[in-house]
Amino acid sequence: MRSILTAIILLFGLFPCSPVLGIFCLIGRKDPDRCHRISFRFVQAFLRAVVRVSGAEIDVRGRENIPRDRSAVFISNHRSYYDIFITYALTEREMGYIAKQEIARIPLVGRWMANIRCLFLNREDPREGIKTIQAGAAQVEAGIPMWIFAEGHRTDGDTMLPFKDGSFKLATKPGAPIIPVTIEGTERIFEQHMPWVRKTKVTLIYGEPVETAGLDRKAQKELAGRVQNVIAGELRQLALAEGREPADPAVDPELYEKQKPGKQ
């Protein structure tokens, strides 16, 4: 039943909304900011319905680490399509995402995403990719938080691909803080048993801000490993708490050891 309801919401909810999208786009010609604001509320309500129907029990930790008075870059691991649905449904303010270029070609979806300040990354053309990251950094500097899945692809289980260094320029260029976000359990909603949607527990952990203002080049190069090790450490603790054998906790075990609680 969950699978059927989800399909109804996604298919029969998305396409009938095309007249609404058209109206929003007309508004955007005269007042782009208003278009972004009302699109944010509309899309968020839609995704909240999708998440509610999935039955996911979401345990959110670390909300106090989300800056309220300045912009930030949220960097997380990536396990499922539901990573986007859930994180956007939970955000308290407008936020853009960096998405792969292929999504922009999906009818209606690409236009809706553009309306909510998402940017599309061409992974085949490094020069175009740099332009996208620069545009994202400009949005962060203008006060719009951005979210990026720094692995570049979805992965299974507790293992992660190395975080891509270019993702961190979203934060270092404007000197914005990075919020490491750990996502656990979303792959159990859909990907592990496609095409069925199943109820499960999901954990979302917002880590303490990692400041980037004033970092020298060496420290900037260490950011990818530093942030990934924070997320890997959280995944390890979640696995142990559930009685599962944790995956390799970090890309850089030495750095992980330095960042363990009680370590300086």
C-alpha atoms as a PDB file:
ATOM      1  CA  MET A   1       0.000   0.000   0.000  1.00  0.00           C
ATOM      2  CA  ARG A   2       2.843   2.427   0.805  1.00  0.00           C
ATOM      3  CA  SER A   3       4.333   1.818  -2.634  1.00  0.00           C
ATOM      4  CA  ILE A   4       1.016   2.518  -4.357  1.00  0.00           C
ATOM      5  CA  LEU A   5       0.382   5.698  -2.379  1.00  0.00           C
ATOM      6  CA  THR A   6       3.914   6.923  -3.040  1.00  0.00           C
ATOM      7  CA  ALA A   7       3.505   6.298  -6.769  1.00  0.00           C
ATOM      8  CA  ILE A   8       0.199   8.162  -6.757  1.00  0.00           C
ATOM      9  CA  ILE A   9       1.718  11.176  -5.014  1.00  0.00           C
ATOM     10  CA  LEU A  10       4.832  11.272  -7.206  1.00  0.00           C
ATOM     11  CA  LEU A  11       3.172  10.646 -10.568  1.00  0.00           C
ATOM     12  CA  PHE A  12      -0.333  11.998 -10.189  1.00  0.00           C
ATOM     13  CA  GLY A  13       0.817  14.795  -7.937  1.00  0.00           C
ATOM     14  CA  LEU A  14       3.768  15.999  -9.993  1.00  0.00           C
ATOM     15  CA  PHE A  15       2.247  16.266 -13.453  1.00  0.00           C
ATOM     16  CA  PRO A  16      -1.082  17.901 -12.498  1.00  0.00           C
ATOM     17  CA  CYS A  17       1.056  20.528 -10.756  1.00  0.00           C
ATOM     18  CA  SER A  18       2.415  21.729 -14.107  1.00  0.00           C
ATOM     19  CA  PRO A  19      -0.092  24.655 -14.291  1.00  0.00           C
ATOM     20  CA  VAL A  20       1.092  25.740 -10.835  1.00  0.00           C
ATOM     21  CA  LEU A  21       4.683  25.573 -12.056  1.00  0.00           C
ATOM     22  CA  GLY A  22       3.745  27.741 -15.021  1.00  0.00           C
ATOM     23  CA  ILE A  23       2.209  30.351 -12.725  1.00  0.00           C
ATOM     24  CA  PHE A  24       5.283  30.355 -10.495  1.00  0.00           C
ATOM     25  CA  CYS A  25       7.561  30.804 -13.513  1.00  0.00           C
ATOM     26  CA  LEU A  26       5.483  33.796 -14.657  1.00  0.00           C
ATOM     27  CA  ILE A  27       5.848  35.286 -11.184  1.00  0.00           C
ATOM     28  CA  GLY A  28       9.579  34.650 -11.412  1.00  0.00           C
ATOM     29  CA  ARG A  29       9.941  36.863 -14.461  1.00  0.00           C
ATOM     30  CA  LYS A  30       8.968  39.896 -12.400  1.00  0.00           C
ATOM     31  CA  ASP A  31       9.993  38.804  -8.912  1.00  0.00           C
ATOM     32  CA  PRO A  32      12.524  35.923  -8.844  1.00  0.00           C
ATOM     33  CA  ASP A  33      12.868  35.976  -5.060  1.00  0.00           C
ATOM     34  CA  ARG A  34       9.125  35.601  -4.564  1.00  0.00           C
ATOM     35  CA  CYS A  35       9.108  32.714  -7.036  1.00  0.00           C
ATOM     36  CA  HIS A  36      11.844  30.979  -5.034  1.00  0.00           C
ATOM     37  CA  ARG A  37       9.989  31.519  -1.752  1.00  0.00           C
ATOM     38  CA  ILE A  38       6.617  30.169  -2.835  1.00  0.00           C
ATOM     39  CA  SER A  39       8.249  27.303  -4.760  1.00  0.00           C
ATOM     40  CA  PHE A  40      10.152  26.356  -1.604  1.00  0.00           C
ATOM     41  CA  ARG A  41       6.934  26.110   0.427  1.00  0.00           C
ATOM     42  CA  PHE A  42       5.081  24.234  -2.298  1.00  0.00           C
ATOM     43  CA  VAL A  43       7.834  21.674  -2.954  1.00  0.00           C
ATOM     44  CA  GLN A  44       8.470  21.202   0.747  1.00  0.00           C
ATOM     45  CA  ALA A  45       4.794  20.420   1.380  1.00  0.00           C
ATOM     46  CA  PHE A  46       4.854  17.946  -1.507  1.00  0.00           C
ATOM     47  CA  LEU A  47       7.972  16.164  -0.205  1.00  0.00           C
ATOM     48  CA  ARG A  48       6.638  16.087   3.339  1.00  0.00           C
ATOM     49  CA  ALA A  49       3.662  14.148   1.983  1.00  0.00           C
ATOM     50  CA  VAL A  50       6.002  11.718   0.210  1.00  0.00           C
ATOM     51  CA  VAL A  51       8.008  11.159   3.398  1.00  0.00           C
ATOM     52  CA  ARG A  52       4.866  10.788   5.536  1.00  0.00           C
ATOM     53  CA  VAL A  53       3.454   8.096   3.246  1.00  0.00           C
ATOM     54  CA  SER A  54       6.748   6.171   3.389  1.00  0.00           C
ATOM     55  CA  GLY A  55       6.203   5.701   7.114  1.00  0.00           C
ATOM     56  CA  ALA A  56       9.829   6.540   7.883  1.00  0.00           C
ATOM     57  CA  GLU A  57      10.513   7.139  11.570  1.00  0.00           C
ATOM     58  CA  ILE A  58      13.078   9.926  11.520  1.00  0.00           C
ATOM     59  CA  ASP A  59      15.406  10.457  14.467  1.00  0.00           C
ATOM     60  CA  VAL A  60      16.902  13.938  14.040  1.00  0.00           C
ATOM     61  CA  ARG A  61      19.880  14.866  16.191  1.00  0.00           C
ATOM     62  CA  GLY A  62      21.997  17.997  16.415  1.00  0.00           C
ATOM     63  CA  ARG A  63      19.469  20.584  15.214  1.00  0.00           C
ATOM     64  CA  GLU A  64      21.173  23.049  17.543  1.00  0.00           C
ATOM     65  CA  ASN A  65      24.232  22.899  15.268  1.00  0.00           C
ATOM     66  CA  ILE A  66      22.352  24.467  12.344  1.00  0.00           C
ATOM     67  CA  PRO A  67      23.261  28.180  12.086  1.00  0.00           C
ATOM     68  CA  ARG A  68      20.245  30.448  12.409  1.00  0.00           C
ATOM     69  CA  ASP A  69      21.921  33.780  11.719  1.00  0.00           C
ATOM     70  CA  ARG A  70      24.165  32.955   8.736  1.00  0.00           C
ATOM     71  CA  SER A  71      24.386  30.748   5.697  1.00  0.00           C
ATOM     72  CA  ALA A  72      26.151  27.388   5.661  1.00  0.00           C
ATOM     73  CA  VAL A  73      27.054  24.458   3.423  1.00  0.00           C
ATOM     74  CA  PHE A  74      25.609  21.075   4.379  1.00  0.00           C
ATOM     75  CA  ILE A  75      27.778  18.140   3.305  1.00  0.00           C
ATOM     76  CA  SER A  76      26.570  14.577   3.761  1.00  0.00           C
ATOM     77  CA  ASN A  77      26.885  10.993   2.679  1.00  0.00           C
ATOM     78  CA  HIS A  78      24.393   9.767   0.067  1.00  0.00           C
ATOM     79  CA  ARG A  79      22.418   6.515   0.214  1.00  0.00           C
ATOM     80  CA  SER A  80      19.018   7.040  -1.336  1.00  0.00           C
ATOM     81  CA  TYR A  81      16.678   9.255  -3.324  1.00  0.00           C
ATOM     82  CA  TYR A  82      14.973   9.729   0.017  1.00  0.00           C
ATOM     83  CA  ASP A  83      18.036  11.632   1.285  1.00  0.00           C
ATOM     84  CA  ILE A  84      16.778  14.606  -0.716  1.00  0.00           C
ATOM     85  CA  PHE A  85      13.108  14.087   0.145  1.00  0.00           C
ATOM     86  CA  ILE A  86      13.765  13.911   3.888  1.00  0.00           C
ATOM     87  CA  THR A  87      16.382  16.643   4.238  1.00  0.00           C
ATOM     88  CA  TYR A  88      14.337  19.102   2.191  1.00  0.00           C
ATOM     89  CA  ALA A  89      11.170  18.240   4.082  1.00  0.00           C
ATOM     90  CA  LEU A  90      12.965  19.046   7.351  1.00  0.00           C
ATOM     91  CA  THR A  91      14.745  22.279   6.424  1.00  0.00           C
ATOM     92  CA  GLU A  92      13.475  25.427   8.132  1.00  0.00           C
ATOM     93  CA  ARG A  93      14.641  27.881   5.471  1.00  0.00           C
ATOM     94  CA  GLU A  94      15.193  28.084   1.735  1.00  0.00           C
ATOM     95  CA  MET A  95      18.027  25.841   0.607  1.00  0.00           C
ATOM     96  CA  GLY A  96      19.566  24.878  -2.714  1.00  0.00           C
ATOM     97  CA  TYR A  97      21.092  21.544  -3.687  1.00  0.00           C
ATOM     98  CA  ILE A  98      23.843  20.612  -6.098  1.00  0.00           C
ATOM     99  CA  ALA A  99      22.419  17.886  -8.361  1.00  0.00           C
ATOM    100  CA  LYS A 100      23.756  16.005 -11.350  1.00  0.00           C
ATOM    101  CA  GLN A 101      23.099  17.532 -14.757  1.00  0.00           C
ATOM    102  CA  GLU A 102      20.976  14.573 -15.895  1.00  0.00           C
ATOM    103  CA  ILE A 103      18.182  15.495 -13.470  1.00  0.00           C
ATOM    104  CA  ALA A 104      17.723  18.842 -15.195  1.00  0.00           C
ATOM    105  CA  ARG A 105      16.509  16.969 -18.293  1.00  0.00           C
ATOM    106  CA  ILE A 106      13.637  15.210 -16.484  1.00  0.00           C
ATOM    107  CA  PRO A 107      10.359  16.900 -17.497  1.00  0.00           C
ATOM    108  CA  LEU A 108       9.007  19.227 -14.781  1.00  0.00           C
ATOM    109  CA  VAL A 109      11.455  17.932 -12.149  1.00  0.00           C
ATOM    110  CA  GLY A 110      14.344  19.989 -13.509  1.00  0.00           C
ATOM    111  CA  ARG A 111      12.239  23.147 -13.635  1.00  0.00           C
ATOM    112  CA  TRP A 112      10.906  22.685 -10.106  1.00  0.00           C
ATOM    113  CA  MET A 113      14.443  22.149  -8.816  1.00  0.00           C
ATOM    114  CA  ALA A 114      15.676  25.291 -10.545  1.00  0.00           C
ATOM    115  CA  ASN A 115      12.816  27.186  -8.888  1.00  0.00           C
ATOM    116  CA  ILE A 116      14.062  26.137  -5.449  1.00  0.00           C
ATOM    117  CA  ARG A 117      17.608  27.335  -6.171  1.00  0.00           C
ATOM    118  CA  CYS A 118      19.123  23.971  -7.092  1.00  0.00           C
ATOM    119  CA  LEU A 119      22.108  23.980  -9.428  1.00  0.00           C
ATOM    120  CA  PHE A 120      23.082  21.237 -11.857  1.00  0.00           C
ATOM    121  CA  LEU A 121      26.598  19.850 -12.085  1.00  0.00           C
ATOM    122  CA  ASN A 122      28.043  18.613 -15.379  1.00  0.00           C
ATOM    123  CA  ARG A 123      30.359  15.830 -14.232  1.00  0.00           C
ATOM    124  CA  GLU A 124      31.744  15.308 -17.729  1.00  0.00           C
ATOM    125  CA  ASP A 125      32.970  18.876 -18.212  1.00  0.00           C
ATOM    126  CA  PRO A 126      35.313  20.125 -15.438  1.00  0.00           C
ATOM    127  CA  ARG A 127      35.094  23.714 -16.638  1.00  0.00           C
ATOM    128  CA  GLU A 128      31.301  23.719 -16.436  1.00  0.00           C
ATOM    129  CA  GLY A 129      31.516  21.952 -13.095  1.00  0.00           C
ATOM    130  CA  ILE A 130      33.677  24.765 -11.715  1.00  0.00           C
ATOM    131  CA  LYS A 131      31.111  27.320 -12.898  1.00  0.00           C
ATOM    132  CA  THR A 132      28.365  25.460 -11.028  1.00  0.00           C
ATOM    133  CA  ILE A 133      30.376  25.372  -7.804  1.00  0.00           C
ATOM    134  CA  GLN A 134      31.136  29.074  -8.175  1.00  0.00           C
ATOM    135  CA  ALA A 135      27.438  29.816  -8.660  1.00  0.00           C
ATOM    136  CA  GLY A 136      26.657  27.772  -5.554  1.00  0.00           C
ATOM    137  CA  ALA A 137      29.299  29.635  -3.550  1.00  0.00           C
ATOM    138  CA  ALA A 138      27.724  32.905  -4.676  1.00  0.00           C
ATOM    139  CA  GLN A 139      24.333  31.723  -3.383  1.00  0.00           C
ATOM    140  CA  VAL A 140      25.886  30.837  -0.045  1.00  0.00           C
ATOM    141  CA  GLU A 141      27.497  34.266   0.146  1.00  0.00           C
ATOM    142  CA  ALA A 142      24.096  35.812  -0.610  1.00  0.00           C
ATOM    143  CA  GLY A 143      22.605  33.982   2.387  1.00  0.00           C
ATOM    144  CA  ILE A 144      21.155  30.856   0.762  1.00  0.00           C
ATOM    145  CA  PRO A 145      22.434  27.598   2.335  1.00  0.00           C
ATOM    146  CA  MET A 146      23.501  24.852  -0.068  1.00  0.00           C
ATOM    147  CA  TRP A 147      23.511  21.063   0.286  1.00  0.00           C
ATOM    148  CA  ILE A 148      25.868  18.761  -1.574  1.00  0.00           C
ATOM    149  CA  PHE A 149      26.406  14.994  -1.476  1.00  0.00           C
ATOM    150  CA  ALA A 150      30.177  15.066  -1.644  1.00  0.00           C
ATOM    151  CA  GLU A 151      30.641  11.451  -2.756  1.00  0.00           C
ATOM    152  CA  GLY A 152      29.050  12.292  -6.100  1.00  0.00           C
ATOM    153  CA  HIS A 153      27.082   9.005  -6.201  1.00  0.00           C
ATOM    154  CA  ARG A 154      24.788   6.990  -3.981  1.00  0.00           C
ATOM    155  CA  THR A 155      26.446   4.153  -2.051  1.00  0.00           C
ATOM    156  CA  ASP A 156      25.197   1.099  -0.172  1.00  0.00           C
ATOM    157  CA  GLY A 157      25.496   0.465   3.540  1.00  0.00           C
ATOM    158  CA  ASP A 158      28.023   2.145   5.818  1.00  0.00           C
ATOM    159  CA  THR A 159      30.786   2.376   3.223  1.00  0.00           C
ATOM    160  CA  MET A 160      31.485   5.685   1.516  1.00  0.00           C
ATOM    161  CA  LEU A 161      33.272   6.893  -1.579  1.00  0.00           C
ATOM    162  CA  PRO A 162      35.977   9.515  -1.016  1.00  0.00           C
ATOM    163  CA  PHE A 163      34.519  12.999  -0.728  1.00  0.00           C
ATOM    164  CA  LYS A 164      35.348  15.199  -3.699  1.00  0.00           C
ATOM    165  CA  ASP A 165      37.559  18.182  -2.878  1.00  0.00           C
ATOM    166  CA  GLY A 166      35.695  20.482  -5.275  1.00  0.00           C
ATOM    167  CA  SER A 167      32.542  20.193  -3.170  1.00  0.00           C
ATOM    168  CA  PHE A 168      34.215  22.097  -0.355  1.00  0.00           C
ATOM    169  CA  LYS A 169      34.816  25.204  -2.447  1.00  0.00           C
ATOM    170  CA  LEU A 170      31.121  25.911  -1.895  1.00  0.00           C
ATOM    171  CA  ALA A 171      32.157  26.803   1.660  1.00  0.00           C
ATOM    172  CA  THR A 172      35.764  27.971   1.383  1.00  0.00           C
ATOM    173  CA  LYS A 173      35.129  30.612  -1.273  1.00  0.00           C
ATOM    174  CA  PRO A 174      32.571  32.549   0.814  1.00  0.00           C
ATOM    175  CA  GLY A 175      34.183  31.467   4.116  1.00  0.00           C
ATOM    176  CA  ALA A 176      30.979  29.766   5.265  1.00  0.00           C
ATOM    177  CA  PRO A 177      30.771  27.026   7.905  1.00  0.00           C
ATOM    178  CA  ILE A 178      30.303  23.411   6.876  1.00  0.00           C
ATOM    179  CA  ILE A 179      27.703  21.285   8.639  1.00  0.00           C
ATOM    180  CA  PRO A 180      28.632  17.586   8.356  1.00  0.00           C
ATOM    181  CA  VAL A 181      25.402  15.581   8.094  1.00  0.00           C
ATOM    182  CA  THR A 182      25.233  11.838   8.694  1.00  0.00           C
ATOM    183  CA  ILE A 183      22.376   9.976   6.996  1.00  0.00           C
ATOM    184  CA  GLU A 184      21.640   6.400   8.010  1.00  0.00           C
ATOM    185  CA  GLY A 185      18.818   4.062   7.001  1.00  0.00           C
ATOM    186  CA  THR A 186      17.287   5.799   3.975  1.00  0.00           C
ATOM    187  CA  GLU A 187      18.357   3.013   1.616  1.00  0.00           C
ATOM    188  CA  ARG A 188      16.047   0.668   3.541  1.00  0.00           C
ATOM    189  CA  ILE A 189      13.002   2.701   2.485  1.00  0.00           C
ATOM    190  CA  PHE A 190      13.313   1.945  -1.228  1.00  0.00           C
ATOM    191  CA  GLU A 191      16.661   1.028  -2.781  1.00  0.00           C
ATOM    192  CA  GLN A 192      17.168  -2.275  -0.955  1.00  0.00           C
ATOM    193  CA  HIS A 193      13.877  -3.693  -2.230  1.00  0.00           C
ATOM    194  CA  MET A 194      12.816  -1.730  -5.305  1.00  0.00           C
ATOM    195  CA  PRO A 195      10.090  -1.092  -6.369  1.00  0.00           C
ATOM    196  CA  TRP A 196       8.573  -1.420  -2.878  1.00  0.00           C
ATOM    197  CA  VAL A 197       8.496   1.323  -0.269  1.00  0.00           C
ATOM    198  CA  ARG A 198       8.817   0.083   3.302  1.00  0.00           C
ATOM    199  CA  LYS A 199       8.617   1.653   6.732  1.00  0.00           C
ATOM    200  CA  THR A 200      11.949   1.910   8.526  1.00  0.00           C
ATOM    201  CA  LYS A 201      13.941   3.992  10.984  1.00  0.00           C
ATOM    202  CA  VAL A 202      16.135   6.769   9.605  1.00  0.00           C
ATOM    203  CA  THR A 203      18.750   8.696  11.565  1.00  0.00           C
ATOM    204  CA  LEU A 204      19.859  12.185  10.583  1.00  0.00           C
ATOM    205  CA  ILE A 205      22.707  13.791  12.541  1.00  0.00           C
ATOM    206  CA  TYR A 206      23.725  17.428  12.070  1.00  0.00           C
ATOM    207  CA  GLY A 207      27.315  17.713  13.255  1.00  0.00           C
ATOM    208  CA  GLU A 208      29.047  20.695  14.812  1.00  0.00           C
ATOM    209  CA  PRO A 209      29.984  23.446  12.330  1.00  0.00           C
ATOM    210  CA  VAL A 210      33.403  23.238  10.724  1.00  0.00           C
ATOM    211  CA  GLU A 211      34.606  26.791  10.190  1.00  0.00           C
ATOM    212  CA  THR A 212      36.356  27.570   6.905  1.00  0.00           C
ATOM    213  CA  ALA A 213      37.022  31.311   7.162  1.00  0.00           C
ATOM    214  CA  GLY A 214      40.731  32.070   7.262  1.00  0.00           C
ATOM    215  CA  LEU A 215      41.914  28.513   6.543  1.00  0.00           C
ATOM    216  CA  ASP A 216      45.247  28.265   4.750  1.00  0.00           C
ATOM    217  CA  ARG A 217      45.643  26.110   1.640  1.00  0.00           C
ATOM    218  CA  LYS A 218      46.874  23.079   3.583  1.00  0.00           C
ATOM    219  CA  ALA A 219      43.887  23.187   5.949  1.00  0.00           C
ATOM    220  CA  GLN A 220      41.506  23.574   3.009  1.00  0.00           C
ATOM    221  CA  LYS A 221      42.936  20.454   1.391  1.00  0.00           C
ATOM    222  CA  GLU A 222      42.350  18.528   4.613  1.00  0.00           C
ATOM    223  CA  LEU A 223      38.677  19.517   4.801  1.00  0.00           C
ATOM    224  CA  ALA A 224      37.361  16.624   2.695  1.00  0.00           C
ATOM    225  CA  GLY A 225      39.022  13.994   4.875  1.00  0.00           C
ATOM    226  CA  ARG A 226      38.181  15.865   8.067  1.00  0.00           C
ATOM    227  CA  VAL A 227      34.450  16.142   7.311  1.00  0.00           C
ATOM    228  CA  GLN A 228      34.183  12.627   5.907  1.00  0.00           C
ATOM    229  CA  ASN A 229      35.781  11.220   9.034  1.00  0.00           C
ATOM    230  CA  VAL A 230      33.209  12.985  11.209  1.00  0.00           C
ATOM    231  CA  ILE A 231      30.403  11.311   9.231  1.00  0.00           C
ATOM    232  CA  ALA A 232      32.193   7.956   9.145  1.00  0.00           C
ATOM    233  CA  GLY A 233      32.613   8.076  12.912  1.00  0.00           C
ATOM    234  CA  GLU A 234      28.891   8.688  13.406  1.00  0.00           C
ATOM    235  CA  LEU A 235      28.032   5.788  11.073  1.00  0.00           C
ATOM    236  CA  ARG A 236      30.323   3.564  13.062  1.00  0.00           C
ATOM    237  CA  GLN A 237      28.672   4.502  16.364  1.00  0.00           C
ATOM    238  CA  LEU A 238      25.197   3.921  14.907  1.00  0.00           C
ATOM    239  CA  ALA A 239      26.231   0.499  13.612  1.00  0.00           C
ATOM    240  CA  LEU A 240      27.654  -0.514  16.985  1.00  0.00           C
ATOM    241  CA  ALA A 241      24.516   0.706  18.778  1.00  0.00           C
ATOM    242  CA  GLU A 242      22.403  -1.503  16.501  1.00  0.00           C
ATOM    243  CA  GLY A 243      24.660  -4.519  17.007  1.00  0.00           C
ATOM    244  CA  ARG A 244      25.983  -4.436  13.433  1.00  0.00           C
ATOM    245  CA  GLU A 245      29.569  -4.860  12.352  1.00  0.00           C
ATOM    246  CA  PRO A 246      30.673  -1.350  11.378  1.00  0.00           C
ATOM    247  CA  ALA A 247      32.395  -0.648   8.108  1.00  0.00           C
ATOM    248  CA  ASP A 248      35.868   0.899   7.964  1.00  0.00           C
ATOM    249  CA  PRO A 249      35.229   4.059   9.995  1.00  0.00           C
ATOM    250  CA  ALA A 250      37.304   6.492   8.015  1.00  0.00           C
ATOM    251  CA  VAL A 251      39.145   7.299   4.846  1.00  0.00           C
ATOM    252  CA  ASP A 252      42.034   8.487   6.986  1.00  0.00           C
ATOM    253  CA  PRO A 253      42.181   6.369  10.174  1.00  0.00           C
ATOM    254  CA  GLU A 254      44.866   8.605  11.712  1.00  0.00           C
ATOM    255  CA  LEU A 255      42.690  11.698  11.327  1.00  0.00           C
ATOM    256  CA  TYR A 256      39.714   9.763  12.692  1.00  0.00           C
ATOM    257  CA  GLU A 257      41.660   8.911  15.820  1.00  0.00           C
ATOM    258  CA  LYS A 258      42.499  12.585  16.349  1.00  0.00           C
ATOM    259  CA  GLN A 259      38.814  13.531  16.086  1.00  0.00           C
ATOM    260  CA  LYS A 260      37.454  10.908  18.480  1.00  0.00           C
ATOM    261  CA  PRO A 261      35.759  12.292  21.614  1.00  0.00           C
ATOM    262  CA  GLY A 262      38.370  13.384  24.145  1.00  0.00           C
ATOM    263  CA  LYS A 263      41.051  13.760  21.479  1.00  0.00           C
ATOM    264  CA  GLN A 264      42.542  17.138  20.618  1.00  0.00           C
END
